[in-house]
Protein backbone atom coordinates (compact mmCIF):
# COMPACT_ATOMS: atom_id res chain seq x y z
CA MET A 1 269.21 18.54 -8.93
CA PRO A 2 270.11 15.80 -11.46
CA LYS A 3 266.79 13.42 -12.51
CA ILE A 4 267.18 10.01 -12.30
CA THR A 5 267.39 9.91 -16.06
CA GLU A 6 270.11 12.45 -16.55
CA VAL A 7 271.97 10.34 -14.06
CA GLN A 8 271.46 7.23 -16.23
CA GLN A 9 272.61 9.19 -19.41
CA GLN A 10 275.79 10.16 -17.61
CA THR A 11 276.29 6.33 -16.45
CA GLY A 12 276.07 5.26 -19.84
CA ARG A 13 278.43 7.87 -21.20
CA ILE A 14 280.85 7.01 -18.53
CA GLU A 15 279.90 3.16 -19.68
CA GLU A 16 280.24 4.28 -23.89
CA LEU A 17 283.87 6.01 -22.97
CA ILE A 18 285.34 2.95 -21.10
CA ARG A 19 284.58 0.98 -24.19
CA LYS A 20 286.00 3.30 -26.42
CA LEU A 21 289.39 3.37 -24.29
CA GLU A 22 289.42 -0.57 -24.20
CA ALA A 23 289.08 -0.79 -28.01
CA SER A 24 291.43 1.92 -29.12
CA ALA A 25 293.80 2.45 -26.40
CA ASP A 26 297.52 0.89 -26.47
CA PRO A 27 297.71 -1.40 -23.02
CA GLY A 28 299.89 1.25 -21.34
CA SER A 29 297.47 4.23 -21.75
CA LEU A 30 294.40 1.96 -20.77
CA ALA A 31 296.23 1.33 -17.61
CA THR A 32 297.01 4.47 -16.89
CA ALA A 33 292.94 6.29 -17.85
CA ARG A 34 291.98 3.30 -14.90
CA GLU A 35 294.35 4.28 -12.59
CA LEU A 36 293.53 8.11 -12.96
CA VAL A 37 289.30 7.09 -12.73
CA GLN A 38 290.25 4.66 -9.71
CA SER A 39 292.35 8.11 -8.16
CA LEU A 40 289.42 10.07 -8.71
CA MET A 41 287.15 7.87 -7.32
CA GLU A 42 289.17 7.82 -4.10
CA LEU A 43 289.46 11.09 -3.78
CA TYR A 44 285.75 11.82 -4.57
CA GLY A 45 284.85 8.86 -2.14
CA ALA A 46 287.49 10.70 0.84
CA GLY A 47 285.22 13.77 0.20
CA LEU A 48 282.27 12.00 0.89
CA THR A 49 283.20 10.56 3.87
CA GLN A 50 284.75 13.76 4.87
CA ILE A 51 281.46 15.59 4.71
CA THR A 52 279.46 12.83 6.72
CA GLU A 53 281.86 12.74 9.37
CA ILE A 54 281.68 16.92 9.55
CA LEU A 55 278.02 16.24 9.65
CA ALA A 56 277.57 13.65 12.20
CA ARG A 57 279.36 15.94 14.30
CA LYS A 58 277.05 18.59 14.18
CA GLY A 59 274.46 16.34 16.41
CA GLU A 60 271.17 15.81 15.53
CA TYR A 61 270.85 18.69 12.61
CA GLY A 62 273.77 17.23 11.23
CA ARG A 63 271.64 13.81 11.28
CA GLN A 64 269.08 15.26 10.06
CA ILE A 65 271.07 16.87 6.65
CA LEU A 66 273.08 13.29 6.23
CA ASP A 67 269.74 11.14 5.86
CA GLU A 68 267.79 13.76 3.64
CA LEU A 69 271.32 13.47 1.50
CA GLY A 70 270.59 9.61 2.25
CA ARG A 71 267.13 9.90 0.58
CA ASP A 72 268.41 11.48 -2.16
CA ASP A 73 268.59 8.91 -5.27
CA LEU A 74 271.73 10.53 -6.95
CA VAL A 75 273.39 11.16 -3.53
CA GLY A 76 272.37 8.38 -1.30
CA ASN A 77 273.56 6.31 -4.37
CA LEU A 78 276.90 8.08 -4.03
CA LEU A 79 276.99 7.41 -0.40
CA ALA A 80 276.12 4.10 -0.50
CA ALA A 81 278.82 3.22 -3.01
CA ASN A 82 281.06 4.80 -1.19
CA GLY A 83 280.55 2.98 2.11
CA VAL A 84 279.24 5.90 3.96
CA HIS A 85 275.73 5.71 3.50
CA PRO A 86 273.34 6.64 6.66
CA GLN A 87 271.20 3.73 6.74
CA ASP A 88 272.51 0.17 6.58
CA LEU A 89 272.26 -2.14 3.78
CA GLU A 90 269.11 -3.89 5.72
CA THR A 91 267.21 -0.83 5.98
CA ARG A 92 267.33 0.39 2.44
CA VAL A 93 266.76 -3.10 1.35
CA ARG A 94 263.73 -2.93 3.16
CA ARG A 95 262.47 0.59 2.23
CA ALA A 96 263.17 -0.53 -1.59
CA LEU A 97 260.94 -3.85 -1.14
CA ASP A 98 258.24 -1.92 0.36
CA LYS A 99 257.67 0.55 -2.51
CA LEU A 100 258.07 -2.64 -4.84
CA ASP A 101 254.87 -4.27 -2.58
CA ALA A 102 252.85 -1.43 -3.38
CA ARG A 103 254.02 -1.53 -7.21
CA LEU A 104 253.43 -4.99 -7.90
CA GLY A 105 249.72 -5.19 -6.07
CA SER A 106 248.24 -8.25 -7.41
CA HIS A 107 250.72 -8.99 -10.26
CA GLY A 108 253.39 -10.72 -7.72
CA SER A 109 254.57 -10.87 -4.07
CA ILE A 110 258.68 -10.36 -2.88
CA GLU A 111 259.84 -12.41 -0.06
CA VAL A 112 263.43 -11.79 1.70
CA LEU A 113 264.92 -15.09 1.66
CA GLY A 114 268.19 -13.95 3.11
CA LEU A 115 270.61 -10.98 3.05
CA ASN A 116 274.20 -12.15 4.45
CA GLU A 117 277.69 -10.78 3.68
CA GLY A 118 275.71 -8.41 1.02
CA VAL A 119 274.15 -10.90 -0.90
CA LEU A 120 270.66 -10.53 -1.22
CA ARG A 121 268.52 -13.33 -2.17
CA LEU A 122 264.74 -12.72 -2.71
CA ARG A 123 261.82 -15.43 -4.05
CA LEU A 124 259.74 -13.26 -6.69
CA ARG A 125 256.38 -14.84 -6.99
CA SER A 126 254.67 -13.25 -10.11
CA THR A 127 252.03 -13.75 -12.73
CA THR A 128 253.92 -13.09 -15.33
CA PRO A 129 257.35 -14.67 -14.53
CA GLY A 130 260.39 -13.20 -16.05
CA SER A 131 258.54 -9.81 -16.86
CA LEU A 132 258.70 -8.11 -13.13
CA LYS A 133 262.54 -9.77 -12.60
CA SER A 134 264.15 -6.68 -14.33
CA VAL A 135 261.89 -4.23 -12.34
CA VAL A 136 262.95 -5.85 -9.24
CA GLU A 137 266.70 -5.80 -9.73
CA GLU A 138 266.73 -2.03 -10.94
CA ALA A 139 264.79 -0.73 -7.53
CA ILE A 140 267.06 -2.55 -5.57
CA TYR A 141 270.09 -1.96 -7.01
CA GLU A 142 268.82 1.98 -7.18
CA ALA A 143 268.67 1.64 -3.48
CA ALA A 144 271.75 -0.91 -2.34
CA PRO A 145 273.64 0.01 -5.19
CA ASP A 146 276.50 -1.79 -2.84
CA LEU A 147 275.03 -4.75 -2.62
CA ALA A 148 277.61 -7.54 -3.55
CA GLU A 149 275.11 -10.11 -5.31
CA LEU A 150 271.45 -10.35 -5.85
CA ALA A 151 269.43 -13.41 -6.74
CA ILE A 152 266.28 -13.66 -7.42
CA GLU A 153 264.45 -16.96 -7.57
CA GLU A 154 261.45 -16.35 -9.44
CA VAL A 155 257.91 -18.59 -8.84
CA ALA A 156 255.33 -18.59 -11.22
CA LEU A 157 251.64 -17.96 -9.59
CA GLN A 158 249.39 -21.10 -10.67
CA GLY A 159 246.58 -19.79 -12.96
CA ALA A 160 247.08 -16.10 -12.19
CA ALA A 161 248.11 -14.98 -16.14
CA ASN A 162 245.10 -16.32 -17.44
CA GLY A 163 242.39 -15.43 -14.79
CA PHE A 164 241.93 -18.85 -13.87
CA VAL A 165 241.62 -19.91 -10.25
CA PRO A 166 241.72 -23.27 -8.96
CA LEU A 167 238.24 -24.73 -7.67
CA GLU A 168 240.25 -25.27 -4.30
CA LYS A 169 240.80 -21.89 -3.82
CA LEU A 170 237.27 -20.50 -4.26
CA ALA A 171 235.76 -22.76 -2.24
CA GLY A 172 238.41 -22.85 0.81
CA TYR A 173 239.10 -26.38 0.36
CA ARG A 174 242.01 -28.98 -1.54
CA ALA A 175 240.21 -31.34 -3.76
CA ALA A 176 241.02 -34.99 -3.73
CA PRO A 177 244.00 -34.86 -6.53
CA ALA A 178 243.30 -36.39 -9.78
CA ASN A 179 244.42 -39.75 -11.07
CA ARG A 180 245.97 -40.46 -14.49
CA ASN A 181 246.78 -43.70 -15.56
CA GLY A 182 246.66 -44.95 -11.99
CA ALA A 183 249.48 -42.35 -10.72
CA GLY A 184 248.66 -39.75 -8.52
CA LEU A 185 249.59 -35.97 -9.40
């Protein structure tokens, strides 16, 4: 079974080959290469669809196999990319978010703002804004490569980055706002 790093290497190689074709091929050859790749993708997609249909007809045993295939990183991504994953998009996103919550720990939290028509909107609260966004993106797209769009709103957790904890957090009350030049904060 290929490791995810091997899959990432292959994906990088495919992207490199596409760039080479785009840079060196004449327009006619480039169009032919794109059509070839598209035809191959459609053929493999049709094959995956047929496999899932055969397994579905096998009852509970087939369903168990299909679920196991869906949990595999490589096969699950192929199934999702071809629209035949045994779990719906929302389930896969929820599973990825559960794993992320454990990884983020005290460094941040994620709130789902919405999942509609393949567009996932998240709010990422973090002690280190910017540094966790790519981790979240990678984990979500790994679980749901068929997302149409991922929008992440980042919010910095106040005082967490330098260890400062506001007095009202420690004391359990909210202090009256201080005035600066006669104006409230």
